N, C-alpha and C. Protein backbone atom coordinates (compact mmCIF):
# COMPACT_ATOMS: atom_id res chain seq x y z
N ASN A 1 -56.79 -39.51 40.70
CA ASN A 1 -57.58 -40.03 39.61
C ASN A 1 -58.30 -38.89 38.90
N ALA A 2 -58.83 -39.18 37.73
CA ALA A 2 -59.43 -38.13 36.89
C ALA A 2 -60.65 -37.50 37.52
N ASP A 3 -61.45 -38.28 38.28
CA ASP A 3 -62.62 -37.71 38.95
C ASP A 3 -62.21 -36.63 39.94
N VAL A 4 -61.17 -36.91 40.70
CA VAL A 4 -60.70 -35.95 41.70
C VAL A 4 -60.19 -34.69 41.02
N VAL A 5 -59.36 -34.85 39.98
CA VAL A 5 -58.83 -33.70 39.25
C VAL A 5 -59.97 -32.88 38.67
N ALA A 6 -60.90 -33.53 37.98
CA ALA A 6 -62.03 -32.82 37.36
C ALA A 6 -62.87 -32.13 38.42
N GLY A 7 -63.11 -32.80 39.53
CA GLY A 7 -63.90 -32.21 40.60
C GLY A 7 -63.23 -30.99 41.19
N LYS A 8 -61.92 -31.05 41.39
CA LYS A 8 -61.19 -29.90 41.95
C LYS A 8 -61.21 -28.72 40.99
N ILE A 9 -61.05 -28.98 39.70
CA ILE A 9 -61.10 -27.90 38.71
C ILE A 9 -62.46 -27.22 38.74
N ALA A 10 -63.52 -28.01 38.69
CA ALA A 10 -64.86 -27.44 38.70
C ALA A 10 -65.16 -26.75 40.03
N GLU A 11 -64.71 -27.32 41.14
CA GLU A 11 -64.99 -26.76 42.46
C GLU A 11 -64.34 -25.39 42.65
N VAL A 12 -63.14 -25.19 42.12
CA VAL A 12 -62.46 -23.92 42.23
C VAL A 12 -63.30 -22.80 41.61
N LEU A 13 -64.05 -23.13 40.57
CA LEU A 13 -64.81 -22.13 39.84
C LEU A 13 -66.18 -21.85 40.43
N VAL A 14 -66.63 -22.69 41.34
CA VAL A 14 -67.99 -22.56 41.86
C VAL A 14 -67.94 -22.35 43.37
N HIS A 15 -68.37 -21.19 43.81
CA HIS A 15 -68.41 -20.86 45.23
C HIS A 15 -69.81 -20.39 45.58
N ALA A 16 -70.19 -20.54 46.84
CA ALA A 16 -71.51 -20.07 47.30
C ALA A 16 -71.66 -18.59 46.94
N GLY A 17 -72.79 -18.27 46.37
CA GLY A 17 -73.07 -16.88 46.02
C GLY A 17 -72.48 -16.43 44.70
N SER A 18 -71.82 -17.32 43.97
CA SER A 18 -71.24 -16.91 42.69
C SER A 18 -72.34 -16.75 41.65
N GLN A 19 -72.02 -16.10 40.57
CA GLN A 19 -72.96 -15.89 39.48
C GLN A 19 -72.61 -16.75 38.28
N ILE A 20 -71.86 -17.78 38.48
CA ILE A 20 -71.45 -18.66 37.38
C ILE A 20 -72.61 -19.59 37.04
N ASP A 21 -73.04 -19.56 35.77
CA ASP A 21 -74.12 -20.42 35.30
C ASP A 21 -73.63 -21.49 34.34
N ALA A 22 -72.43 -21.29 33.79
CA ALA A 22 -71.92 -22.22 32.79
C ALA A 22 -70.40 -22.22 32.85
N LEU A 23 -69.80 -23.33 32.46
CA LEU A 23 -68.36 -23.41 32.32
C LEU A 23 -68.05 -23.62 30.84
N TRP A 24 -67.15 -22.80 30.33
CA TRP A 24 -66.73 -22.89 28.93
C TRP A 24 -65.37 -23.56 28.91
N TRP A 25 -65.33 -24.78 28.43
CA TRP A 25 -64.09 -25.54 28.41
C TRP A 25 -63.33 -25.25 27.13
N ASP A 26 -62.16 -24.65 27.29
CA ASP A 26 -61.28 -24.30 26.17
C ASP A 26 -60.10 -25.26 26.20
N ILE A 27 -60.37 -26.54 25.96
CA ILE A 27 -59.33 -27.57 26.12
C ILE A 27 -59.14 -28.42 24.88
N GLY A 28 -59.85 -28.12 23.82
CA GLY A 28 -59.79 -29.00 22.66
C GLY A 28 -59.03 -28.45 21.49
N GLY A 29 -58.33 -27.35 21.69
CA GLY A 29 -57.75 -26.68 20.54
C GLY A 29 -56.32 -27.00 20.22
N SER A 30 -55.73 -27.99 20.86
CA SER A 30 -54.33 -28.26 20.57
C SER A 30 -54.17 -28.69 19.12
N PRO A 31 -53.35 -27.98 18.38
CA PRO A 31 -53.15 -28.37 16.99
C PRO A 31 -52.22 -29.56 16.83
N LEU A 32 -51.63 -30.01 17.93
CA LEU A 32 -50.71 -31.14 17.84
C LEU A 32 -51.34 -32.43 18.31
N GLY A 33 -52.63 -32.41 18.59
CA GLY A 33 -53.31 -33.62 19.00
C GLY A 33 -54.57 -33.30 19.77
N CYS A 34 -55.32 -34.32 20.09
CA CYS A 34 -56.62 -34.19 20.73
C CYS A 34 -56.51 -34.44 22.23
N SER A 35 -57.28 -33.68 23.01
CA SER A 35 -57.26 -33.83 24.46
C SER A 35 -58.27 -34.88 24.94
N TYR A 36 -59.03 -35.44 24.02
CA TYR A 36 -60.02 -36.47 24.35
C TYR A 36 -59.81 -37.64 23.38
N PRO A 37 -60.37 -38.81 23.67
CA PRO A 37 -60.21 -39.94 22.75
C PRO A 37 -60.92 -39.65 21.42
N SER A 38 -60.15 -39.48 20.38
CA SER A 38 -60.70 -39.11 19.08
C SER A 38 -60.38 -40.17 18.04
N LYS A 39 -61.30 -40.34 17.10
CA LYS A 39 -61.05 -41.22 15.97
C LYS A 39 -60.52 -40.43 14.78
N ILE A 40 -60.47 -39.08 14.94
CA ILE A 40 -60.08 -38.21 13.83
C ILE A 40 -58.67 -37.66 14.02
N GLU A 41 -58.34 -37.26 15.24
CA GLU A 41 -57.05 -36.66 15.55
C GLU A 41 -56.27 -37.56 16.50
N PRO A 42 -54.94 -37.56 16.41
CA PRO A 42 -54.13 -38.31 17.38
C PRO A 42 -54.19 -37.62 18.74
N PRO A 43 -53.85 -38.35 19.81
CA PRO A 43 -53.88 -37.72 21.14
C PRO A 43 -52.71 -36.76 21.35
N VAL A 44 -52.93 -35.78 22.23
CA VAL A 44 -51.86 -34.89 22.65
C VAL A 44 -50.79 -35.74 23.33
N ALA A 45 -49.54 -35.40 23.12
CA ALA A 45 -48.44 -36.21 23.65
C ALA A 45 -48.07 -35.82 25.08
N HIS A 46 -49.03 -35.43 25.89
CA HIS A 46 -48.77 -35.09 27.28
C HIS A 46 -48.75 -36.39 28.10
N PRO A 47 -47.75 -36.59 28.97
CA PRO A 47 -47.63 -37.86 29.69
C PRO A 47 -48.88 -38.24 30.49
N LEU A 48 -49.50 -37.30 31.21
CA LEU A 48 -50.68 -37.64 32.00
C LEU A 48 -51.86 -38.00 31.10
N LEU A 49 -52.06 -37.25 30.03
CA LEU A 49 -53.13 -37.58 29.10
C LEU A 49 -52.90 -38.95 28.46
N LYS A 50 -51.67 -39.22 28.08
CA LYS A 50 -51.36 -40.53 27.50
C LYS A 50 -51.65 -41.64 28.49
N GLN A 51 -51.30 -41.43 29.76
CA GLN A 51 -51.57 -42.43 30.79
C GLN A 51 -53.07 -42.65 30.94
N TRP A 52 -53.82 -41.55 31.07
CA TRP A 52 -55.27 -41.68 31.24
C TRP A 52 -55.90 -42.39 30.05
N LEU A 53 -55.50 -42.00 28.83
CA LEU A 53 -56.06 -42.65 27.64
C LEU A 53 -55.74 -44.14 27.63
N SER A 54 -54.51 -44.51 28.01
CA SER A 54 -54.14 -45.93 28.03
C SER A 54 -54.94 -46.70 29.07
N GLU A 55 -55.41 -46.00 30.11
CA GLU A 55 -56.22 -46.63 31.16
C GLU A 55 -57.71 -46.55 30.84
N GLY A 56 -58.04 -45.98 29.69
CA GLY A 56 -59.44 -45.85 29.30
C GLY A 56 -60.17 -44.71 29.99
N VAL A 57 -59.43 -43.76 30.55
CA VAL A 57 -60.02 -42.62 31.24
C VAL A 57 -60.21 -41.47 30.25
N ASP A 58 -61.43 -41.01 30.14
CA ASP A 58 -61.74 -39.85 29.30
C ASP A 58 -61.92 -38.65 30.23
N TRP A 59 -60.86 -37.88 30.40
CA TRP A 59 -60.88 -36.80 31.38
C TRP A 59 -61.87 -35.69 31.00
N VAL A 60 -62.12 -35.51 29.70
CA VAL A 60 -63.10 -34.51 29.28
C VAL A 60 -64.49 -34.93 29.76
N GLU A 61 -64.80 -36.21 29.64
CA GLU A 61 -66.08 -36.71 30.14
C GLU A 61 -66.21 -36.46 31.66
N HIS A 62 -65.10 -36.65 32.37
CA HIS A 62 -65.11 -36.39 33.81
C HIS A 62 -65.36 -34.90 34.09
N LEU A 63 -64.71 -34.02 33.34
CA LEU A 63 -64.95 -32.58 33.52
C LEU A 63 -66.41 -32.22 33.27
N ILE A 64 -66.96 -32.79 32.23
CA ILE A 64 -68.36 -32.51 31.90
C ILE A 64 -69.27 -33.04 33.00
N ASN A 65 -69.02 -34.26 33.47
CA ASN A 65 -69.83 -34.83 34.54
C ASN A 65 -69.75 -34.00 35.82
N GLU A 66 -68.55 -33.53 36.16
CA GLU A 66 -68.39 -32.71 37.35
C GLU A 66 -69.07 -31.35 37.19
N THR A 67 -69.05 -30.82 35.99
CA THR A 67 -69.75 -29.56 35.72
C THR A 67 -71.25 -29.76 35.87
N ARG A 68 -71.77 -30.85 35.31
CA ARG A 68 -73.20 -31.17 35.43
C ARG A 68 -73.59 -31.41 36.89
N HIS A 69 -72.70 -32.09 37.63
CA HIS A 69 -72.96 -32.35 39.05
C HIS A 69 -73.20 -31.05 39.80
N ARG A 70 -72.58 -29.97 39.34
CA ARG A 70 -72.74 -28.65 39.96
C ARG A 70 -73.87 -27.85 39.32
N LYS A 71 -74.66 -28.54 38.48
CA LYS A 71 -75.84 -27.95 37.83
C LYS A 71 -75.48 -26.72 36.98
N LEU A 72 -74.37 -26.85 36.26
CA LEU A 72 -73.92 -25.78 35.37
C LEU A 72 -73.99 -26.25 33.92
N GLU A 73 -74.14 -25.29 33.02
CA GLU A 73 -74.11 -25.61 31.59
C GLU A 73 -72.68 -25.87 31.16
N VAL A 74 -72.54 -26.67 30.11
CA VAL A 74 -71.24 -27.02 29.56
C VAL A 74 -71.15 -26.50 28.13
N ILE A 75 -70.23 -25.58 27.91
CA ILE A 75 -70.00 -25.00 26.59
C ILE A 75 -68.58 -25.37 26.15
N TRP A 76 -68.47 -25.87 24.94
CA TRP A 76 -67.16 -26.22 24.38
C TRP A 76 -66.69 -25.05 23.50
N ASN A 77 -65.48 -24.61 23.71
CA ASN A 77 -64.88 -23.56 22.89
C ASN A 77 -64.02 -24.20 21.82
N HIS A 78 -64.33 -23.92 20.56
CA HIS A 78 -63.54 -24.45 19.45
C HIS A 78 -62.87 -23.29 18.72
N ARG A 79 -61.56 -23.22 18.85
CA ARG A 79 -60.81 -22.17 18.15
C ARG A 79 -60.68 -22.56 16.69
N ILE A 80 -61.04 -21.64 15.83
CA ILE A 80 -60.94 -21.90 14.39
C ILE A 80 -59.50 -22.16 13.98
N SER A 81 -58.57 -21.38 14.52
CA SER A 81 -57.17 -21.58 14.19
C SER A 81 -56.37 -21.52 15.48
N GLU A 82 -55.47 -22.43 15.61
CA GLU A 82 -54.68 -22.54 16.84
C GLU A 82 -53.21 -22.59 16.49
N VAL A 83 -52.40 -22.04 17.36
CA VAL A 83 -50.96 -22.13 17.16
C VAL A 83 -50.45 -23.43 17.78
N GLU A 84 -49.31 -23.88 17.31
CA GLU A 84 -48.76 -25.16 17.71
C GLU A 84 -48.07 -25.05 19.07
N CYS A 85 -48.87 -25.15 20.15
CA CYS A 85 -48.34 -25.14 21.51
C CYS A 85 -47.94 -26.56 21.90
N LEU A 86 -46.86 -26.66 22.64
CA LEU A 86 -46.40 -27.96 23.10
C LEU A 86 -47.11 -28.34 24.40
N PRO A 87 -47.37 -29.63 24.62
CA PRO A 87 -48.05 -30.06 25.85
C PRO A 87 -47.34 -29.61 27.13
N GLU A 88 -46.02 -29.55 27.08
CA GLU A 88 -45.26 -29.16 28.27
C GLU A 88 -45.06 -27.65 28.36
N GLY A 89 -45.66 -26.91 27.42
CA GLY A 89 -45.52 -25.45 27.38
C GLY A 89 -44.57 -25.05 26.28
N GLY A 90 -44.67 -23.82 25.86
CA GLY A 90 -43.83 -23.33 24.78
C GLY A 90 -44.48 -23.59 23.43
N LEU A 91 -43.77 -23.19 22.39
CA LEU A 91 -44.30 -23.29 21.03
C LEU A 91 -43.47 -24.25 20.19
N SER A 92 -44.15 -25.02 19.38
CA SER A 92 -43.49 -25.99 18.51
C SER A 92 -42.90 -25.29 17.30
N LYS A 93 -41.77 -25.77 16.87
CA LYS A 93 -41.20 -25.27 15.62
C LYS A 93 -41.71 -26.07 14.43
N GLN A 94 -42.41 -27.17 14.72
CA GLN A 94 -42.96 -28.03 13.68
C GLN A 94 -44.44 -27.72 13.47
N PRO A 95 -44.87 -27.65 12.22
CA PRO A 95 -46.30 -27.43 11.97
C PRO A 95 -47.12 -28.70 12.25
N HIS A 96 -48.39 -28.51 12.41
CA HIS A 96 -49.33 -29.62 12.55
C HIS A 96 -49.14 -30.54 11.34
N PRO A 97 -49.15 -31.86 11.54
CA PRO A 97 -48.97 -32.78 10.40
C PRO A 97 -49.96 -32.54 9.25
N LEU A 98 -51.19 -32.11 9.58
CA LEU A 98 -52.16 -31.84 8.51
C LEU A 98 -51.78 -30.61 7.69
N LYS A 99 -51.07 -29.68 8.29
CA LYS A 99 -50.59 -28.50 7.54
C LYS A 99 -49.53 -28.92 6.53
N VAL A 100 -48.74 -29.91 6.88
CA VAL A 100 -47.73 -30.43 5.97
C VAL A 100 -48.39 -31.25 4.86
N LYS A 101 -49.35 -32.10 5.25
CA LYS A 101 -50.02 -32.98 4.30
C LYS A 101 -50.93 -32.21 3.34
N HIS A 102 -51.56 -31.14 3.85
CA HIS A 102 -52.51 -30.36 3.06
C HIS A 102 -52.13 -28.88 3.07
N PRO A 103 -51.12 -28.48 2.30
CA PRO A 103 -50.70 -27.08 2.34
C PRO A 103 -51.81 -26.10 1.91
N ASP A 104 -52.80 -26.59 1.16
CA ASP A 104 -53.91 -25.71 0.77
C ASP A 104 -54.83 -25.41 1.96
N TRP A 105 -54.66 -26.10 3.06
CA TRP A 105 -55.44 -25.85 4.28
C TRP A 105 -54.83 -24.73 5.12
N VAL A 106 -53.74 -24.13 4.63
CA VAL A 106 -52.97 -23.16 5.42
C VAL A 106 -52.96 -21.78 4.76
N VAL A 107 -53.14 -20.77 5.60
CA VAL A 107 -52.98 -19.37 5.19
C VAL A 107 -51.67 -18.88 5.79
N PRO A 108 -50.77 -18.36 4.97
CA PRO A 108 -49.55 -17.79 5.57
C PRO A 108 -49.91 -16.66 6.52
N ALA A 109 -49.20 -16.60 7.64
CA ALA A 109 -49.41 -15.55 8.63
C ALA A 109 -48.05 -14.94 8.96
N SER A 110 -47.97 -13.63 8.91
CA SER A 110 -46.69 -12.96 9.14
C SER A 110 -46.17 -13.21 10.55
N TRP A 111 -47.04 -13.44 11.47
CA TRP A 111 -46.63 -13.57 12.88
C TRP A 111 -46.46 -15.02 13.32
N TRP A 112 -46.92 -15.98 12.51
CA TRP A 112 -46.81 -17.39 12.90
C TRP A 112 -46.27 -18.21 11.74
N PRO A 113 -45.02 -18.71 11.84
CA PRO A 113 -44.37 -19.33 10.69
C PRO A 113 -45.07 -20.57 10.13
N GLN A 114 -45.83 -21.30 10.96
CA GLN A 114 -46.52 -22.50 10.47
C GLN A 114 -47.81 -22.16 9.73
N GLY A 115 -48.24 -20.91 9.78
CA GLY A 115 -49.47 -20.50 9.12
C GLY A 115 -50.70 -20.84 9.95
N MET A 116 -51.83 -20.31 9.52
CA MET A 116 -53.10 -20.51 10.21
C MET A 116 -54.01 -21.35 9.31
N TRP A 117 -55.09 -21.89 9.88
CA TRP A 117 -56.02 -22.70 9.10
C TRP A 117 -56.78 -21.82 8.11
N ASN A 118 -56.99 -22.35 6.91
CA ASN A 118 -57.59 -21.63 5.79
C ASN A 118 -59.01 -22.15 5.52
N LEU A 119 -60.01 -21.41 6.00
CA LEU A 119 -61.39 -21.83 5.80
C LEU A 119 -61.86 -21.72 4.35
N ALA A 120 -61.03 -21.18 3.47
CA ALA A 120 -61.37 -21.20 2.04
C ALA A 120 -61.21 -22.60 1.47
N SER A 121 -60.52 -23.49 2.19
CA SER A 121 -60.30 -24.85 1.72
C SER A 121 -61.47 -25.75 2.12
N ALA A 122 -62.12 -26.34 1.14
CA ALA A 122 -63.25 -27.23 1.40
C ALA A 122 -62.84 -28.42 2.26
N GLY A 123 -61.65 -28.94 2.05
CA GLY A 123 -61.18 -30.08 2.84
C GLY A 123 -61.03 -29.74 4.31
N LEU A 124 -60.52 -28.56 4.61
CA LEU A 124 -60.39 -28.15 6.00
C LEU A 124 -61.76 -27.93 6.63
N ARG A 125 -62.67 -27.31 5.91
CA ARG A 125 -64.02 -27.10 6.45
C ARG A 125 -64.66 -28.45 6.78
N GLU A 126 -64.51 -29.41 5.89
CA GLU A 126 -65.06 -30.75 6.11
C GLU A 126 -64.42 -31.40 7.34
N HIS A 127 -63.11 -31.26 7.48
CA HIS A 127 -62.39 -31.82 8.63
C HIS A 127 -62.89 -31.20 9.94
N LYS A 128 -63.05 -29.89 9.96
CA LYS A 128 -63.50 -29.21 11.19
C LYS A 128 -64.94 -29.60 11.55
N VAL A 129 -65.80 -29.74 10.56
CA VAL A 129 -67.18 -30.17 10.84
C VAL A 129 -67.15 -31.59 11.40
N ALA A 130 -66.29 -32.45 10.87
CA ALA A 130 -66.18 -33.82 11.38
C ALA A 130 -65.71 -33.83 12.84
N LEU A 131 -64.74 -32.97 13.17
CA LEU A 131 -64.27 -32.88 14.55
C LEU A 131 -65.39 -32.43 15.48
N LEU A 132 -66.14 -31.43 15.07
CA LEU A 132 -67.24 -30.93 15.90
C LEU A 132 -68.34 -31.97 16.02
N ARG A 133 -68.61 -32.70 14.94
CA ARG A 133 -69.61 -33.78 15.00
C ARG A 133 -69.17 -34.85 16.00
N GLU A 134 -67.90 -35.19 15.98
CA GLU A 134 -67.38 -36.17 16.94
C GLU A 134 -67.59 -35.68 18.37
N LEU A 135 -67.32 -34.42 18.63
CA LEU A 135 -67.50 -33.85 19.97
C LEU A 135 -68.94 -33.92 20.44
N VAL A 136 -69.86 -33.43 19.60
CA VAL A 136 -71.26 -33.37 20.05
C VAL A 136 -71.91 -34.75 20.10
N THR A 137 -71.34 -35.71 19.38
CA THR A 137 -71.84 -37.07 19.45
C THR A 137 -71.31 -37.76 20.70
N ARG A 138 -70.11 -37.44 21.07
CA ARG A 138 -69.44 -38.09 22.20
C ARG A 138 -69.86 -37.50 23.55
N TYR A 139 -70.09 -36.19 23.60
CA TYR A 139 -70.30 -35.51 24.87
C TYR A 139 -71.64 -34.78 24.92
N ASP A 140 -72.17 -34.67 26.13
CA ASP A 140 -73.42 -33.98 26.40
C ASP A 140 -73.11 -32.49 26.62
N LEU A 141 -73.03 -31.75 25.54
CA LEU A 141 -72.71 -30.32 25.60
C LEU A 141 -73.98 -29.49 25.45
N ASP A 142 -73.99 -28.35 26.12
CA ASP A 142 -75.11 -27.41 25.97
C ASP A 142 -74.88 -26.46 24.81
N GLY A 143 -73.66 -26.33 24.39
CA GLY A 143 -73.38 -25.44 23.28
C GLY A 143 -71.93 -25.52 22.85
N ILE A 144 -71.68 -24.92 21.70
CA ILE A 144 -70.32 -24.81 21.17
C ILE A 144 -70.11 -23.35 20.79
N GLN A 145 -68.99 -22.82 21.20
CA GLN A 145 -68.58 -21.49 20.75
C GLN A 145 -67.55 -21.68 19.65
N ILE A 146 -67.80 -21.07 18.52
CA ILE A 146 -66.82 -21.07 17.44
C ILE A 146 -66.01 -19.80 17.61
N ASP A 147 -64.76 -19.95 17.98
CA ASP A 147 -63.90 -18.84 18.39
C ASP A 147 -63.09 -18.32 17.21
N PHE A 148 -63.51 -17.18 16.70
CA PHE A 148 -62.77 -16.51 15.63
C PHE A 148 -61.88 -15.40 16.19
N SER A 149 -61.86 -15.22 17.51
CA SER A 149 -61.18 -14.05 18.07
C SER A 149 -59.68 -14.25 18.26
N ARG A 150 -59.19 -15.44 18.13
CA ARG A 150 -57.76 -15.69 18.29
C ARG A 150 -57.17 -16.20 16.99
N HIS A 151 -55.94 -15.83 16.81
CA HIS A 151 -55.11 -16.41 15.77
C HIS A 151 -55.70 -16.31 14.37
N ILE A 152 -55.72 -15.12 13.87
CA ILE A 152 -56.19 -14.87 12.52
C ILE A 152 -54.99 -14.62 11.62
N PRO A 153 -55.11 -14.74 10.34
CA PRO A 153 -56.32 -14.79 9.51
C PRO A 153 -56.82 -16.22 9.33
N CYS A 154 -58.07 -16.36 8.90
CA CYS A 154 -58.62 -17.68 8.58
C CYS A 154 -59.00 -17.76 7.10
N LEU A 155 -58.69 -16.70 6.36
CA LEU A 155 -58.84 -16.67 4.90
C LEU A 155 -57.59 -16.00 4.33
N PRO A 156 -57.24 -16.27 3.07
CA PRO A 156 -56.06 -15.66 2.48
C PRO A 156 -56.12 -14.13 2.56
N VAL A 157 -55.04 -13.55 3.06
CA VAL A 157 -54.96 -12.10 3.24
C VAL A 157 -55.12 -11.40 1.89
N GLY A 158 -55.93 -10.37 1.89
CA GLY A 158 -56.21 -9.61 0.67
C GLY A 158 -57.40 -10.16 -0.10
N HIS A 159 -57.88 -11.34 0.30
CA HIS A 159 -59.02 -11.97 -0.38
C HIS A 159 -60.16 -12.32 0.58
N GLN A 160 -60.09 -11.77 1.79
CA GLN A 160 -61.09 -12.12 2.79
C GLN A 160 -62.50 -11.75 2.35
N TRP A 161 -62.67 -10.58 1.76
CA TRP A 161 -64.02 -10.14 1.38
C TRP A 161 -64.61 -11.05 0.31
N GLU A 162 -63.82 -11.35 -0.71
CA GLU A 162 -64.34 -12.18 -1.80
C GLU A 162 -64.56 -13.63 -1.36
N LEU A 163 -63.87 -14.09 -0.32
CA LEU A 163 -64.00 -15.48 0.15
C LEU A 163 -64.85 -15.61 1.40
N ARG A 164 -65.48 -14.53 1.84
CA ARG A 164 -66.27 -14.56 3.08
C ARG A 164 -67.37 -15.61 3.04
N GLY A 165 -67.88 -15.90 1.86
CA GLY A 165 -68.93 -16.92 1.71
C GLY A 165 -68.48 -18.30 2.17
N GLN A 166 -67.16 -18.56 2.12
CA GLN A 166 -66.65 -19.86 2.57
C GLN A 166 -66.81 -20.01 4.09
N VAL A 167 -66.62 -18.91 4.81
CA VAL A 167 -66.81 -18.94 6.27
C VAL A 167 -68.30 -19.09 6.57
N THR A 168 -69.13 -18.38 5.83
CA THR A 168 -70.59 -18.50 6.01
C THR A 168 -71.04 -19.93 5.73
N GLU A 169 -70.51 -20.53 4.67
CA GLU A 169 -70.86 -21.91 4.34
C GLU A 169 -70.44 -22.86 5.46
N PHE A 170 -69.24 -22.64 6.01
CA PHE A 170 -68.77 -23.46 7.13
C PHE A 170 -69.73 -23.34 8.32
N MET A 171 -70.08 -22.13 8.68
CA MET A 171 -70.96 -21.92 9.83
C MET A 171 -72.34 -22.54 9.58
N ARG A 172 -72.83 -22.46 8.37
CA ARG A 172 -74.11 -23.10 8.04
C ARG A 172 -74.03 -24.62 8.21
N ARG A 173 -72.91 -25.19 7.76
CA ARG A 173 -72.73 -26.64 7.90
C ARG A 173 -72.66 -27.04 9.37
N VAL A 174 -71.98 -26.23 10.18
CA VAL A 174 -71.91 -26.52 11.60
C VAL A 174 -73.30 -26.46 12.21
N ARG A 175 -74.06 -25.42 11.89
CA ARG A 175 -75.41 -25.29 12.45
C ARG A 175 -76.31 -26.43 12.01
N LEU A 176 -76.23 -26.83 10.75
CA LEU A 176 -77.03 -27.96 10.28
C LEU A 176 -76.62 -29.26 10.99
N MET A 177 -75.33 -29.44 11.17
CA MET A 177 -74.84 -30.63 11.84
C MET A 177 -75.33 -30.67 13.29
N LEU A 178 -75.31 -29.52 13.97
CA LEU A 178 -75.76 -29.48 15.36
C LEU A 178 -77.25 -29.76 15.45
């Protein structure tokens, strides 16, 4: 059951005498769906996640509860741009449906054929703030890390400096929302 799985994951990370004060959960970045019950994004097509969701099990809530049970802080890691990884492993050849529906939300990337998320797009910024609002409303988190360190660019190449204010505006909206 989900409690056992969540407990085992958290227990592996916490040992007597460790210096761990917080667990940073990097589980919400799938560009092909959501790892928790979301009203904004469809669920990840992983068989176990689909089973748990159909049974009304919110495994993220279980992870957070098990982390709290161990008196640790819970930090959610939100990657600004994510590559299309498949639930069973490997990389998808298909772009995220929102990249197809909203091509202005995408920055071409030489290394990733589906492109990366474009924070110069007001619609994408609004979508990401809505996702983060859903997370902090649904879960008892101590913090959110906005991860810019993976999978860049997040602004059109050659125009990053002139469009930097769009990223600042996004971060301000996130801070105000929090």
